[in-house]
Amino acid sequence: MAHIIDDETIEHVAVLAKLALSGEEKEQAGRDMGRMLDYIDKLNDLDTEGVEPASHIFPLENVFREDVVTNGDQSEKILENAPSRKDGMFAVPKTFG
């Protein structure tokens, strides 16, 4: 079943793809699109009786690890680097008056 892609469709696709095609390129694009659609039509020949629709080819499972704290509270260790501190925080010069 040969699909024939008209010039208007080729022009529309070219505009969407922001392509400037010459006449020869448009003819080639039409042939290529037709071949792609012919290949896609082969899917209609497949027996899909009893096959459940799927959104992914592999079963998806939760791939995220548990959210467990592993390094704990290290605020004292971090504050050891502070040039000055106040109430368990870095003390910095006032920037607004």
PDB file of N, CA and C in Angstrom:
ATOM      1  N   MET A   1       0.855  -1.172   0.000  1.00  0.00           N
ATOM      2  CA  MET A   1       0.000   0.000   0.000  1.00  0.00           C
ATOM      3  C   MET A   1       0.900   1.234   0.000  1.00  0.00           C
ATOM      4  N   ALA A   2       1.066   1.847  -1.106  1.00  0.00           N
ATOM      5  CA  ALA A   2       1.974   2.979  -1.246  1.00  0.00           C
ATOM      6  C   ALA A   2       1.292   4.266  -0.782  1.00  0.00           C
ATOM      7  N   HIS A   3       1.927   4.923   0.142  1.00  0.00           N
ATOM      8  CA  HIS A   3       1.420   6.208   0.603  1.00  0.00           C
ATOM      9  C   HIS A   3       2.036   7.302  -0.256  1.00  0.00           C
ATOM     10  N   ILE A   4       1.198   8.187  -0.736  1.00  0.00           N
ATOM     11  CA  ILE A   4       1.681   9.312  -1.514  1.00  0.00           C
ATOM     12  C   ILE A   4       1.480  10.558  -0.654  1.00  0.00           C
ATOM     13  N   ILE A   5       2.553  11.227  -0.393  1.00  0.00           N
ATOM     14  CA  ILE A   5       2.509  12.430   0.430  1.00  0.00           C
ATOM     15  C   ILE A   5       2.418  13.625  -0.517  1.00  0.00           C
ATOM     16  N   ASP A   6       1.374  14.440  -0.310  1.00  0.00           N
ATOM     17  CA  ASP A   6       1.191  15.581  -1.213  1.00  0.00           C
ATOM     18  C   ASP A   6       2.148  16.721  -0.848  1.00  0.00           C
ATOM     19  N   ASP A   7       2.302  17.653  -1.795  1.00  0.00           N
ATOM     20  CA  ASP A   7       3.239  18.771  -1.628  1.00  0.00           C
ATOM     21  C   ASP A   7       2.882  19.636  -0.426  1.00  0.00           C
ATOM     22  N   GLU A   8       1.580  19.789  -0.174  1.00  0.00           N
ATOM     23  CA  GLU A   8       1.144  20.619   0.945  1.00  0.00           C
ATOM     24  C   GLU A   8       1.624  20.032   2.284  1.00  0.00           C
ATOM     25  N   THR A   9       1.556  18.728   2.416  1.00  0.00           N
ATOM     26  CA  THR A   9       2.018  18.075   3.644  1.00  0.00           C
ATOM     27  C   THR A   9       3.522  18.227   3.797  1.00  0.00           C
ATOM     28  N   ILE A  10       4.245  18.065   2.703  1.00  0.00           N
ATOM     29  CA  ILE A  10       5.702  18.223   2.750  1.00  0.00           C
ATOM     30  C   ILE A  10       6.065  19.650   3.151  1.00  0.00           C
ATOM     31  N   GLU A  11       5.385  20.618   2.576  1.00  0.00           N
ATOM     32  CA  GLU A  11       5.629  22.030   2.923  1.00  0.00           C
ATOM     33  C   GLU A  11       5.340  22.264   4.406  1.00  0.00           C
ATOM     34  N   HIS A  12       4.230  21.705   4.894  1.00  0.00           N
ATOM     35  CA  HIS A  12       3.842  21.890   6.286  1.00  0.00           C
ATOM     36  C   HIS A  12       4.906  21.302   7.224  1.00  0.00           C
ATOM     37  N   VAL A  13       5.355  20.106   6.941  1.00  0.00           N
ATOM     38  CA  VAL A  13       6.388  19.461   7.762  1.00  0.00           C
ATOM     39  C   VAL A  13       7.688  20.250   7.690  1.00  0.00           C
ATOM     40  N   ALA A  14       8.030  20.759   6.522  1.00  0.00           N
ATOM     41  CA  ALA A  14       9.252  21.548   6.361  1.00  0.00           C
ATOM     42  C   ALA A  14       9.185  22.828   7.197  1.00  0.00           C
ATOM     43  N   VAL A  15       8.022  23.471   7.215  1.00  0.00           N
ATOM     44  CA  VAL A  15       7.859  24.692   8.013  1.00  0.00           C
ATOM     45  C   VAL A  15       7.991  24.349   9.498  1.00  0.00           C
ATOM     46  N   LEU A  16       7.349  23.257   9.950  1.00  0.00           N
ATOM     47  CA  LEU A  16       7.443  22.858  11.354  1.00  0.00           C
ATOM     48  C   LEU A  16       8.880  22.538  11.750  1.00  0.00           C
ATOM     49  N   ALA A  17       9.632  21.929  10.824  1.00  0.00           N
ATOM     50  CA  ALA A  17      11.027  21.564  11.094  1.00  0.00           C
ATOM     51  C   ALA A  17      11.994  22.715  10.791  1.00  0.00           C
ATOM     52  N   LYS A  18      11.443  23.838  10.347  1.00  0.00           N
ATOM     53  CA  LYS A  18      12.246  25.018   9.990  1.00  0.00           C
ATOM     54  C   LYS A  18      13.308  24.669   8.956  1.00  0.00           C
ATOM     55  N   LEU A  19      12.859  23.958   7.912  1.00  0.00           N
ATOM     56  CA  LEU A  19      13.747  23.563   6.827  1.00  0.00           C
ATOM     57  C   LEU A  19      13.357  24.284   5.551  1.00  0.00           C
ATOM     58  N   ALA A  20      14.347  24.672   4.788  1.00  0.00           N
ATOM     59  CA  ALA A  20      14.122  25.230   3.457  1.00  0.00           C
ATOM     60  C   ALA A  20      14.551  24.141   2.476  1.00  0.00           C
ATOM     61  N   LEU A  21      13.579  23.504   1.828  1.00  0.00           N
ATOM     62  CA  LEU A  21      13.868  22.387   0.936  1.00  0.00           C
ATOM     63  C   LEU A  21      13.788  22.819  -0.518  1.00  0.00           C
ATOM     64  N   SER A  22      14.724  22.327  -1.309  1.00  0.00           N
ATOM     65  CA  SER A  22      14.665  22.556  -2.752  1.00  0.00           C
ATOM     66  C   SER A  22      13.620  21.608  -3.336  1.00  0.00           C
ATOM     67  N   GLY A  23      13.317  21.775  -4.599  1.00  0.00           N
ATOM     68  CA  GLY A  23      12.346  20.901  -5.257  1.00  0.00           C
ATOM     69  C   GLY A  23      12.750  19.438  -5.190  1.00  0.00           C
ATOM     70  N   GLU A  24      14.034  19.165  -5.438  1.00  0.00           N
ATOM     71  CA  GLU A  24      14.530  17.788  -5.399  1.00  0.00           C
ATOM     72  C   GLU A  24      14.448  17.221  -3.981  1.00  0.00           C
ATOM     73  N   GLU A  25      14.770  18.054  -3.001  1.00  0.00           N
ATOM     74  CA  GLU A  25      14.706  17.614  -1.605  1.00  0.00           C
ATOM     75  C   GLU A  25      13.260  17.327  -1.178  1.00  0.00           C
ATOM     76  N   LYS A  26      12.327  18.126  -1.704  1.00  0.00           N
ATOM     77  CA  LYS A  26      10.908  17.887  -1.396  1.00  0.00           C
ATOM     78  C   LYS A  26      10.451  16.546  -1.971  1.00  0.00           C
ATOM     79  N   GLU A  27      10.878  16.242  -3.175  1.00  0.00           N
ATOM     80  CA  GLU A  27      10.517  14.961  -3.793  1.00  0.00           C
ATOM     81  C   GLU A  27      11.086  13.805  -2.973  1.00  0.00           C
ATOM     82  N   GLN A  28      12.355  13.936  -2.570  1.00  0.00           N
ATOM     83  CA  GLN A  28      12.987  12.890  -1.771  1.00  0.00           C
ATOM     84  C   GLN A  28      12.294  12.742  -0.415  1.00  0.00           C
ATOM     85  N   ALA A  29      11.946  13.872   0.207  1.00  0.00           N
ATOM     86  CA  ALA A  29      11.256  13.833   1.497  1.00  0.00           C
ATOM     87  C   ALA A  29       9.907  13.142   1.357  1.00  0.00           C
ATOM     88  N   GLY A  30       9.198  13.408   0.261  1.00  0.00           N
ATOM     89  CA  GLY A  30       7.914  12.751   0.018  1.00  0.00           C
ATOM     90  C   GLY A  30       8.064  11.240  -0.118  1.00  0.00           C
ATOM     91  N   ARG A  31       9.085  10.819  -0.857  1.00  0.00           N
ATOM     92  CA  ARG A  31       9.331   9.379  -0.997  1.00  0.00           C
ATOM     93  C   ARG A  31       9.699   8.754   0.353  1.00  0.00           C
ATOM     94  N   ASP A  32      10.559   9.448   1.102  1.00  0.00           N
ATOM     95  CA  ASP A  32      10.972   8.933   2.410  1.00  0.00           C
ATOM     96  C   ASP A  32       9.772   8.814   3.350  1.00  0.00           C
ATOM     97  N   MET A  33       8.935   9.839   3.403  1.00  0.00           N
ATOM     98  CA  MET A  33       7.754   9.797   4.275  1.00  0.00           C
ATOM     99  C   MET A  33       6.811   8.679   3.864  1.00  0.00           C
ATOM    100  N   GLY A  34       6.647   8.501   2.566  1.00  0.00           N
ATOM    101  CA  GLY A  34       5.797   7.417   2.076  1.00  0.00           C
ATOM    102  C   GLY A  34       6.325   6.055   2.507  1.00  0.00           C
ATOM    103  N   ARG A  35       7.641   5.871   2.398  1.00  0.00           N
ATOM    104  CA  ARG A  35       8.242   4.597   2.829  1.00  0.00           C
ATOM    105  C   ARG A  35       8.077   4.385   4.332  1.00  0.00           C
ATOM    106  N   MET A  36       8.192   5.463   5.101  1.00  0.00           N
ATOM    107  CA  MET A  36       7.999   5.339   6.552  1.00  0.00           C
ATOM    108  C   MET A  36       6.572   4.903   6.871  1.00  0.00           C
ATOM    109  N   LEU A  37       5.605   5.523   6.203  1.00  0.00           N
ATOM    110  CA  LEU A  37       4.207   5.162   6.451  1.00  0.00           C
ATOM    111  C   LEU A  37       3.907   3.739   5.991  1.00  0.00           C
ATOM    112  N   ASP A  38       4.516   3.320   4.888  1.00  0.00           N
ATOM    113  CA  ASP A  38       4.342   1.933   4.440  1.00  0.00           C
ATOM    114  C   ASP A  38       4.885   0.963   5.473  1.00  0.00           C
ATOM    115  N   TYR A  39       6.028   1.293   6.064  1.00  0.00           N
ATOM    116  CA  TYR A  39       6.628   0.423   7.080  1.00  0.00           C
ATOM    117  C   TYR A  39       5.734   0.357   8.320  1.00  0.00           C
ATOM    118  N   ILE A  40       5.196   1.498   8.707  1.00  0.00           N
ATOM    119  CA  ILE A  40       4.299   1.539   9.867  1.00  0.00           C
ATOM    120  C   ILE A  40       3.049   0.711   9.607  1.00  0.00           C
ATOM    121  N   ASP A  41       2.579   0.689   8.360  1.00  0.00           N
ATOM    122  CA  ASP A  41       1.403  -0.114   8.014  1.00  0.00           C
ATOM    123  C   ASP A  41       1.627  -1.606   8.257  1.00  0.00           C
ATOM    124  N   LYS A  42       2.874  -2.038   8.232  1.00  0.00           N
ATOM    125  CA  LYS A  42       3.162  -3.450   8.492  1.00  0.00           C
ATOM    126  C   LYS A  42       2.706  -3.856   9.889  1.00  0.00           C
ATOM    127  N   LEU A  43       2.638  -2.910  10.803  1.00  0.00           N
ATOM    128  CA  LEU A  43       2.184  -3.212  12.160  1.00  0.00           C
ATOM    129  C   LEU A  43       0.738  -3.703  12.162  1.00  0.00           C
ATOM    130  N   ASN A  44      -0.052  -3.263  11.194  1.00  0.00           N
ATOM    131  CA  ASN A  44      -1.442  -3.724  11.112  1.00  0.00           C
ATOM    132  C   ASN A  44      -1.530  -5.211  10.790  1.00  0.00           C
ATOM    133  N   ASP A  45      -0.472  -5.777  10.217  1.00  0.00           N
ATOM    134  CA  ASP A  45      -0.475  -7.193   9.875  1.00  0.00           C
ATOM    135  C   ASP A  45      -0.166  -8.089  11.067  1.00  0.00           C
ATOM    136  N   LEU A  46       0.306  -7.503  12.168  1.00  0.00           N
ATOM    137  CA  LEU A  46       0.660  -8.292  13.339  1.00  0.00           C
ATOM    138  C   LEU A  46      -0.575  -8.764  14.086  1.00  0.00           C
ATOM    139  N   ASP A  47      -0.512  -9.996  14.608  1.00  0.00           N
ATOM    140  CA  ASP A  47      -1.600 -10.535  15.416  1.00  0.00           C
ATOM    141  C   ASP A  47      -1.391 -10.060  16.850  1.00  0.00           C
ATOM    142  N   THR A  48      -2.236  -9.147  17.304  1.00  0.00           N
ATOM    143  CA  THR A  48      -2.116  -8.608  18.652  1.00  0.00           C
ATOM    144  C   THR A  48      -3.253  -9.093  19.551  1.00  0.00           C
ATOM    145  N   GLU A  49      -3.911 -10.141  19.147  1.00  0.00           N
ATOM    146  CA  GLU A  49      -5.003 -10.697  19.944  1.00  0.00           C
ATOM    147  C   GLU A  49      -4.465 -11.152  21.303  1.00  0.00           C
ATOM    148  N   GLY A  50      -5.062 -10.664  22.374  1.00  0.00           N
ATOM    149  CA  GLY A  50      -4.660 -11.061  23.717  1.00  0.00           C
ATOM    150  C   GLY A  50      -3.445 -10.335  24.256  1.00  0.00           C
ATOM    151  N   VAL A  51      -2.908  -9.388  23.507  1.00  0.00           N
ATOM    152  CA  VAL A  51      -1.746  -8.636  23.977  1.00  0.00           C
ATOM    153  C   VAL A  51      -2.247  -7.368  24.662  1.00  0.00           C
ATOM    154  N   GLU A  52      -1.860  -7.218  25.925  1.00  0.00           N
ATOM    155  CA  GLU A  52      -2.283  -6.046  26.686  1.00  0.00           C
ATOM    156  C   GLU A  52      -1.526  -4.797  26.212  1.00  0.00           C
ATOM    157  N   PRO A  53      -2.199  -3.678  26.083  1.00  0.00           N
ATOM    158  CA  PRO A  53      -1.493  -2.433  25.742  1.00  0.00           C
ATOM    159  C   PRO A  53      -0.501  -2.089  26.846  1.00  0.00           C
ATOM    160  N   ALA A  54       0.620  -1.495  26.466  1.00  0.00           N
ATOM    161  CA  ALA A  54       1.642  -1.141  27.439  1.00  0.00           C
ATOM    162  C   ALA A  54       2.211   0.231  27.113  1.00  0.00           C
ATOM    163  N   SER A  55       2.555   0.963  28.156  1.00  0.00           N
ATOM    164  CA  SER A  55       3.174   2.262  27.934  1.00  0.00           C
ATOM    165  C   SER A  55       4.689   2.155  27.912  1.00  0.00           C
ATOM    166  N   HIS A  56       5.233   1.022  28.420  1.00  0.00           N
ATOM    167  CA  HIS A  56       6.676   0.787  28.434  1.00  0.00           C
ATOM    168  C   HIS A  56       6.931  -0.671  28.062  1.00  0.00           C
ATOM    169  N   ILE A  57       8.093  -0.924  27.482  1.00  0.00           N
ATOM    170  CA  ILE A  57       8.384  -2.304  27.108  1.00  0.00           C
ATOM    171  C   ILE A  57       8.882  -3.118  28.285  1.00  0.00           C
ATOM    172  N   PHE A  58       9.381  -2.432  29.331  1.00  0.00           N
ATOM    173  CA  PHE A  58       9.850  -3.119  30.521  1.00  0.00           C
ATOM    174  C   PHE A  58       8.931  -2.767  31.679  1.00  0.00           C
ATOM    175  N   PRO A  59       8.683  -3.704  32.566  1.00  0.00           N
ATOM    176  CA  PRO A  59       7.851  -3.360  33.729  1.00  0.00           C
ATOM    177  C   PRO A  59       8.570  -2.334  34.598  1.00  0.00           C
ATOM    178  N   LEU A  60       7.827  -1.337  35.037  1.00  0.00           N
ATOM    179  CA  LEU A  60       8.433  -0.287  35.847  1.00  0.00           C
ATOM    180  C   LEU A  60       8.200  -0.575  37.321  1.00  0.00           C
ATOM    181  N   GLU A  61       9.228  -0.394  38.090  1.00  0.00           N
ATOM    182  CA  GLU A  61       9.145  -0.519  39.530  1.00  0.00           C
ATOM    183  C   GLU A  61       9.740   0.736  40.131  1.00  0.00           C
ATOM    184  N   ASN A  62       9.439   0.953  41.398  1.00  0.00           N
ATOM    185  CA  ASN A  62      10.017   2.105  42.067  1.00  0.00           C
ATOM    186  C   ASN A  62      11.529   1.916  42.127  1.00  0.00           C
ATOM    187  N   VAL A  63      12.246   2.788  41.455  1.00  0.00           N
ATOM    188  CA  VAL A  63      13.698   2.658  41.387  1.00  0.00           C
ATOM    189  C   VAL A  63      14.402   3.584  42.377  1.00  0.00           C
ATOM    190  N   PHE A  64      13.626   4.275  43.191  1.00  0.00           N
ATOM    191  CA  PHE A  64      14.217   5.196  44.138  1.00  0.00           C
ATOM    192  C   PHE A  64      14.555   4.475  45.436  1.00  0.00           C
ATOM    193  N   ARG A  65      15.650   4.858  46.035  1.00  0.00           N
ATOM    194  CA  ARG A  65      16.036   4.265  47.309  1.00  0.00           C
ATOM    195  C   ARG A  65      15.207   4.902  48.414  1.00  0.00           C
ATOM    196  N   GLU A  66      15.187   4.261  49.541  1.00  0.00           N
ATOM    197  CA  GLU A  66      14.514   4.820  50.701  1.00  0.00           C
ATOM    198  C   GLU A  66      15.233   6.089  51.125  1.00  0.00           C
ATOM    199  N   ASP A  67      14.488   7.055  51.609  1.00  0.00           N
ATOM    200  CA  ASP A  67      15.068   8.314  52.054  1.00  0.00           C
ATOM    201  C   ASP A  67      15.504   8.153  53.507  1.00  0.00           C
ATOM    202  N   VAL A  68      16.739   7.697  53.692  1.00  0.00           N
ATOM    203  CA  VAL A  68      17.277   7.431  55.016  1.00  0.00           C
ATOM    204  C   VAL A  68      18.501   8.311  55.227  1.00  0.00           C
ATOM    205  N   VAL A  69      18.533   9.007  56.351  1.00  0.00           N
ATOM    206  CA  VAL A  69      19.681   9.845  56.683  1.00  0.00           C
ATOM    207  C   VAL A  69      20.854   8.944  57.022  1.00  0.00           C
ATOM    208  N   THR A  70      21.988   9.163  56.352  1.00  0.00           N
ATOM    209  CA  THR A  70      23.156   8.327  56.612  1.00  0.00           C
ATOM    210  C   THR A  70      24.295   9.097  57.265  1.00  0.00           C
ATOM    211  N   ASN A  71      24.301  10.429  57.152  1.00  0.00           N
ATOM    212  CA  ASN A  71      25.423  11.184  57.709  1.00  0.00           C
ATOM    213  C   ASN A  71      25.048  11.965  58.964  1.00  0.00           C
ATOM    214  N   GLY A  72      23.807  12.009  59.347  1.00  0.00           N
ATOM    215  CA  GLY A  72      23.374  12.632  60.595  1.00  0.00           C
ATOM    216  C   GLY A  72      23.678  14.118  60.680  1.00  0.00           C
ATOM    217  N   ASP A  73      23.486  14.631  61.889  1.00  0.00           N
ATOM    218  CA  ASP A  73      23.702  16.056  62.139  1.00  0.00           C
ATOM    219  C   ASP A  73      25.198  16.321  62.311  1.00  0.00           C
ATOM    220  N   GLN A  74      25.760  17.098  61.404  1.00  0.00           N
ATOM    221  CA  GLN A  74      27.185  17.426  61.468  1.00  0.00           C
ATOM    222  C   GLN A  74      27.401  18.922  61.656  1.00  0.00           C
ATOM    223  N   SER A  75      26.416  19.582  62.270  1.00  0.00           N
ATOM    224  CA  SER A  75      26.510  21.034  62.394  1.00  0.00           C
ATOM    225  C   SER A  75      27.720  21.466  63.215  1.00  0.00           C
ATOM    226  N   GLU A  76      28.048  20.745  64.295  1.00  0.00           N
ATOM    227  CA  GLU A  76      29.226  21.119  65.088  1.00  0.00           C
ATOM    228  C   GLU A  76      30.507  20.995  64.263  1.00  0.00           C
ATOM    229  N   LYS A  77      30.604  19.930  63.498  1.00  0.00           N
ATOM    230  CA  LYS A  77      31.790  19.732  62.663  1.00  0.00           C
ATOM    231  C   LYS A  77      31.897  20.844  61.616  1.00  0.00           C
ATOM    232  N   ILE A  78      30.753  21.214  61.044  1.00  0.00           N
ATOM    233  CA  ILE A  78      30.742  22.273  60.020  1.00  0.00           C
ATOM    234  C   ILE A  78      31.105  23.608  60.663  1.00  0.00           C
ATOM    235  N   LEU A  79      30.561  23.879  61.872  1.00  0.00           N
ATOM    236  CA  LEU A  79      30.835  25.159  62.525  1.00  0.00           C
ATOM    237  C   LEU A  79      32.282  25.303  62.974  1.00  0.00           C
ATOM    238  N   GLU A  80      33.034  24.224  63.026  1.00  0.00           N
ATOM    239  CA  GLU A  80      34.455  24.310  63.353  1.00  0.00           C
ATOM    240  C   GLU A  80      35.197  25.180  62.337  1.00  0.00           C
ATOM    241  N   ASN A  81      34.650  25.283  61.104  1.00  0.00           N
ATOM    242  CA  ASN A  81      35.275  26.090  60.050  1.00  0.00           C
ATOM    243  C   ASN A  81      34.861  27.555  60.093  1.00  0.00           C
ATOM    244  N   ALA A  82      33.914  27.889  60.953  1.00  0.00           N
ATOM    245  CA  ALA A  82      33.412  29.263  60.996  1.00  0.00           C
ATOM    246  C   ALA A  82      34.416  30.177  61.684  1.00  0.00           C
ATOM    247  N   PRO A  83      34.717  31.332  61.096  1.00  0.00           N
ATOM    248  CA  PRO A  83      35.625  32.274  61.755  1.00  0.00           C
ATOM    249  C   PRO A  83      35.017  32.802  63.056  1.00  0.00           C
ATOM    250  N   SER A  84      33.698  32.930  63.058  1.00  0.00           N
ATOM    251  CA  SER A  84      32.998  33.277  64.298  1.00  0.00           C
ATOM    252  C   SER A  84      31.586  32.699  64.205  1.00  0.00           C
ATOM    253  N   ARG A  85      31.031  32.399  65.387  1.00  0.00           N
ATOM    254  CA  ARG A  85      29.682  31.828  65.396  1.00  0.00           C
ATOM    255  C   ARG A  85      28.902  32.369  66.580  1.00  0.00           C
ATOM    256  N   LYS A  86      27.579  32.271  66.432  1.00  0.00           N
ATOM    257  CA  LYS A  86      26.689  32.758  67.475  1.00  0.00           C
ATOM    258  C   LYS A  86      25.442  31.889  67.480  1.00  0.00           C
ATOM    259  N   ASP A  87      25.095  31.361  68.611  1.00  0.00           N
ATOM    260  CA  ASP A  87      23.897  30.527  68.777  1.00  0.00           C
ATOM    261  C   ASP A  87      23.872  29.351  67.804  1.00  0.00           C
ATOM    262  N   GLY A  88      25.009  28.719  67.588  1.00  0.00           N
ATOM    263  CA  GLY A  88      25.066  27.537  66.736  1.00  0.00           C
ATOM    264  C   GLY A  88      24.971  27.838  65.252  1.00  0.00           C
ATOM    265  N   MET A  89      25.268  29.091  64.868  1.00  0.00           N
ATOM    266  CA  MET A  89      25.217  29.485  63.457  1.00  0.00           C
ATOM    267  C   MET A  89      26.459  30.288  63.109  1.00  0.00           C
ATOM    268  N   PHE A  90      26.729  30.414  61.794  1.00  0.00           N
ATOM    269  CA  PHE A  90      27.807  31.286  61.336  1.00  0.00           C
ATOM    270  C   PHE A  90      27.423  32.723  61.678  1.00  0.00           C
ATOM    271  N   ALA A  91      28.363  33.465  62.219  1.00  0.00           N
ATOM    272  CA  ALA A  91      28.148  34.891  62.461  1.00  0.00           C
ATOM    273  C   ALA A  91      28.831  35.656  61.329  1.00  0.00           C
ATOM    274  N   VAL A  92      28.066  36.514  60.682  1.00  0.00           N
ATOM    275  CA  VAL A  92      28.598  37.270  59.552  1.00  0.00           C
ATOM    276  C   VAL A  92      28.358  38.752  59.806  1.00  0.00           C
ATOM    277  N   PRO A  93      29.148  39.606  59.154  1.00  0.00           N
ATOM    278  CA  PRO A  93      28.922  41.040  59.334  1.00  0.00           C
ATOM    279  C   PRO A  93      27.544  41.448  58.841  1.00  0.00           C
ATOM    280  N   LYS A  94      26.985  42.457  59.480  1.00  0.00           N
ATOM    281  CA  LYS A  94      25.685  43.002  59.102  1.00  0.00           C
ATOM    282  C   LYS A  94      25.798  43.623  57.724  1.00  0.00           C
ATOM    283  N   THR A  95      24.845  43.334  56.829  1.00  0.00           N
ATOM    284  CA  THR A  95      24.905  43.891  55.475  1.00  0.00           C
ATOM    285  C   THR A  95      23.856  44.966  55.252  1.00  0.00           C
ATOM    286  N   PHE A  96      22.814  45.008  56.080  1.00  0.00           N
ATOM    287  CA  PHE A  96      21.779  46.042  55.950  1.00  0.00           C
ATOM    288  C   PHE A  96      21.732  46.815  57.247  1.00  0.00           C
ATOM    289  N   GLY A  97      21.520  48.131  57.140  1.00  0.00           N
ATOM    290  CA  GLY A  97      21.550  48.985  58.326  1.00  0.00           C
ATOM    291  C   GLY A  97      20.262  49.150  58.999  1.00  0.00           C
TER     292      GLY A  97
END
